C-alpha atoms as a PDB file:
ATOM      1  CA  MET A   1      -5.103  21.483 -39.035  1.00  0.00           C
ATOM      2  CA  LYS A   2      -6.199  23.470 -36.020  1.00  0.00           C
ATOM      3  CA  LEU A   3      -4.262  22.993 -32.792  1.00  0.00           C
ATOM      4  CA  ILE A   4      -5.427  23.934 -29.344  1.00  0.00           C
ATOM      5  CA  GLN A   5      -3.300  24.529 -26.265  1.00  0.00           C
ATOM      6  CA  THR A   6      -4.802  25.147 -22.854  1.00  0.00           C
ATOM      7  CA  PHE A   7      -3.412  27.069 -19.920  1.00  0.00           C
ATOM      8  CA  TYR A   8      -5.089  28.119 -16.705  1.00  0.00           C
ATOM      9  CA  VAL A   9      -3.606  29.709 -13.623  1.00  0.00           C
ATOM     10  CA  ASP A  10      -5.478  31.050 -10.627  1.00  0.00           C
ATOM     11  CA  ALA A  11      -5.998  34.806 -10.642  1.00  0.00           C
ATOM     12  CA  PHE A  12      -3.986  35.242  -7.429  1.00  0.00           C
ATOM     13  CA  LYS A  13      -0.908  33.441  -8.813  1.00  0.00           C
ATOM     14  CA  ASN A  14       1.786  35.203 -10.798  1.00  0.00           C
ATOM     15  CA  ILE A  15       2.866  33.185 -13.856  1.00  0.00           C
ATOM     16  CA  THR A  16       6.446  34.433 -13.613  1.00  0.00           C
ATOM     17  CA  LYS A  17       6.704  33.349  -9.951  1.00  0.00           C
ATOM     18  CA  THR A  18       4.924  29.982 -10.114  1.00  0.00           C
ATOM     19  CA  ALA A  19       7.009  26.968 -11.157  1.00  0.00           C
ATOM     20  CA  MET A  20       3.999  24.737 -12.051  1.00  0.00           C
ATOM     21  CA  GLY A  21       5.966  21.502 -11.843  1.00  0.00           C
ATOM     22  CA  TRP A  22       9.260  22.884 -13.101  1.00  0.00           C
ATOM     23  CA  ASN A  23      12.298  23.529 -10.902  1.00  0.00           C
ATOM     24  CA  LEU A  24      12.083  27.267 -11.564  1.00  0.00           C
ATOM     25  CA  PRO A  25       9.308  29.518 -12.916  1.00  0.00           C
ATOM     26  CA  PHE A  26      11.663  30.598 -15.698  1.00  0.00           C
ATOM     27  CA  TYR A  27      11.574  27.081 -17.175  1.00  0.00           C
ATOM     28  CA  ASN A  28       7.784  27.100 -17.220  1.00  0.00           C
ATOM     29  CA  VAL A  29       7.671  30.319 -19.254  1.00  0.00           C
ATOM     30  CA  ILE A  30      10.442  29.150 -21.583  1.00  0.00           C
ATOM     31  CA  SER A  31       8.719  25.788 -22.174  1.00  0.00           C
ATOM     32  CA  TRP A  32       5.475  27.502 -23.196  1.00  0.00           C
ATOM     33  CA  THR A  33       7.344  29.867 -25.486  1.00  0.00           C
ATOM     34  CA  LEU A  34       9.313  27.046 -27.107  1.00  0.00           C
ATOM     35  CA  SER A  35       6.206  24.885 -27.455  1.00  0.00           C
ATOM     36  CA  CYS A  36       4.234  27.612 -29.207  1.00  0.00           C
ATOM     37  CA  LEU A  37       7.065  28.612 -31.518  1.00  0.00           C
ATOM     38  CA  GLN A  38       7.850  24.996 -32.482  1.00  0.00           C
ATOM     39  CA  LEU A  39       4.190  24.287 -33.239  1.00  0.00           C
ATOM     40  CA  HIS A  40       3.967  27.498 -35.246  1.00  0.00           C
ATOM     41  CA  LYS A  41       6.711  26.231 -37.556  1.00  0.00           C
ATOM     42  CA  TYR A  42       4.407  23.479 -38.814  1.00  0.00           C
ATOM     43  CA  TYR A  43       0.877  24.767 -38.117  1.00  0.00           C
ATOM     44  CA  ASP A  44      -0.562  28.217 -38.681  1.00  0.00           C
ATOM     45  CA  ASP A  45      -3.810  27.887 -36.771  1.00  0.00           C
ATOM     46  CA  ILE A  46      -2.980  27.572 -33.067  1.00  0.00           C
ATOM     47  CA  ALA A  47      -5.503  28.677 -30.461  1.00  0.00           C
ATOM     48  CA  LEU A  48      -4.887  29.157 -26.758  1.00  0.00           C
ATOM     49  CA  TYR A  49      -7.725  28.402 -24.365  1.00  0.00           C
ATOM     50  CA  ALA A  50      -6.807  30.357 -21.262  1.00  0.00           C
ATOM     51  CA  ASN A  51      -8.246  32.511 -18.540  1.00  0.00           C
ATOM     52  CA  THR A  52      -7.996  36.278 -18.932  1.00  0.00           C
ATOM     53  CA  GLY A  53      -4.768  36.787 -16.964  1.00  0.00           C
ATOM     54  CA  SER A  54      -2.951  33.985 -18.746  1.00  0.00           C
ATOM     55  CA  ALA A  55      -4.109  35.093 -22.197  1.00  0.00           C
ATOM     56  CA  LYS A  56      -2.947  38.621 -21.454  1.00  0.00           C
ATOM     57  CA  PHE A  57       0.475  37.333 -20.378  1.00  0.00           C
ATOM     58  CA  PHE A  58       0.988  35.189 -23.495  1.00  0.00           C
ATOM     59  CA  ASN A  59      -0.430  37.762 -25.891  1.00  0.00           C
ATOM     60  CA  GLU A  60       0.802  41.110 -24.604  1.00  0.00           C
ATOM     61  CA  ILE A  61       3.980  40.282 -22.703  1.00  0.00           C
ATOM     62  CA  LEU A  62       5.413  37.281 -24.576  1.00  0.00           C
ATOM     63  CA  GLN A  63       3.688  38.163 -27.888  1.00  0.00           C
ATOM     64  CA  LEU A  64       3.374  34.520 -28.896  1.00  0.00           C
ATOM     65  CA  PRO A  65       1.855  33.880 -32.342  1.00  0.00           C
ATOM     66  CA  TYR A  66      -1.434  32.325 -31.241  1.00  0.00           C
ATOM     67  CA  LYS A  67      -4.196  32.971 -33.740  1.00  0.00           C
ATOM     68  CA  LYS A  68      -6.941  33.082 -31.106  1.00  0.00           C
ATOM     69  CA  PHE A  69      -7.175  33.496 -27.363  1.00  0.00           C
ATOM     70  CA  ILE A  70     -10.352  31.890 -26.047  1.00  0.00           C
ATOM     71  CA  HIS A  71     -11.729  31.849 -22.525  1.00  0.00           C
ATOM     72  CA  PRO A  72     -12.566  28.191 -21.737  1.00  0.00           C
ATOM     73  CA  MET A  73     -15.696  28.885 -19.698  1.00  0.00           C
ATOM     74  CA  ILE A  74     -17.464  30.250 -22.761  1.00  0.00           C
ATOM     75  CA  ILE A  75     -16.583  27.151 -24.769  1.00  0.00           C
ATOM     76  CA  LEU A  76     -17.443  24.837 -21.883  1.00  0.00           C
ATOM     77  CA  PHE A  77     -20.908  26.347 -21.525  1.00  0.00           C
ATOM     78  CA  PHE A  78     -21.768  25.932 -25.212  1.00  0.00           C
ATOM     79  CA  THR A  79     -20.235  22.453 -25.364  1.00  0.00           C
ATOM     80  CA  ILE A  80     -22.376  21.286 -22.460  1.00  0.00           C
ATOM     81  CA  MET A  81     -25.500  22.852 -23.952  1.00  0.00           C
ATOM     82  CA  ILE A  82     -24.931  21.148 -27.315  1.00  0.00           C
ATOM     83  CA  TYR A  83     -24.142  17.827 -25.656  1.00  0.00           C
ATOM     84  CA  LEU A  84     -27.281  17.969 -23.535  1.00  0.00           C
ATOM     85  CA  HIS A  85     -29.354  18.879 -26.553  1.00  0.00           C
ATOM     86  CA  TYR A  86     -28.179  15.977 -28.720  1.00  0.00           C
ATOM     87  CA  GLN A  87     -27.324  13.245 -26.223  1.00  0.00           C
ATOM     88  CA  LYS A  88     -29.121  11.383 -23.517  1.00  0.00           C
ATOM     89  CA  TYR A  89     -27.227  11.767 -20.308  1.00  0.00           C
ATOM     90  CA  ILE A  90     -27.159  10.338 -16.833  1.00  0.00           C
ATOM     91  CA  PRO A  91     -26.557  12.980 -14.212  1.00  0.00           C
ATOM     92  CA  ILE A  92     -23.757  12.000 -11.869  1.00  0.00           C
ATOM     93  CA  HIS A  93     -23.651  13.614  -8.469  1.00  0.00           C
ATOM     94  CA  TYR A  94     -20.755  13.746  -6.052  1.00  0.00           C
ATOM     95  CA  LYS A  95     -21.178  13.717  -2.298  1.00  0.00           C
ATOM     96  CA  ARG A  96     -18.568  12.934   0.349  1.00  0.00           C
ATOM     97  CA  ASN A  97     -16.227  10.763  -1.715  1.00  0.00           C
ATOM     98  CA  HIS A  98     -19.056   8.791  -3.336  1.00  0.00           C
ATOM     99  CA  PHE A  99     -20.453   9.001  -6.841  1.00  0.00           C
ATOM    100  CA  TYR A 100     -24.073   8.102  -7.381  1.00  0.00           C
ATOM    101  CA  THR A 101     -26.668   8.489 -10.125  1.00  0.00           C
END
């Protein structure tokens, strides 16, 4: 089974100094490390969809055993193109707190 985890942080934010919902940034980093290592016990194929800075942090600094590091914008582009090719769609537009078709 292939598992996918996603992580995105703005380029101007430092992962080690941003708590992201935790009390301290340390807990955020530890939770990601624990999550990856626990999943790796049971599954070999774990991919991380992350922006460049985040992927570099998890791969080079923490050296977590993700099999692949994938930039989500590349996947998003191809997913949308395939969806539009095979599905009929209704474009939804957003303007000033109102959705309309």
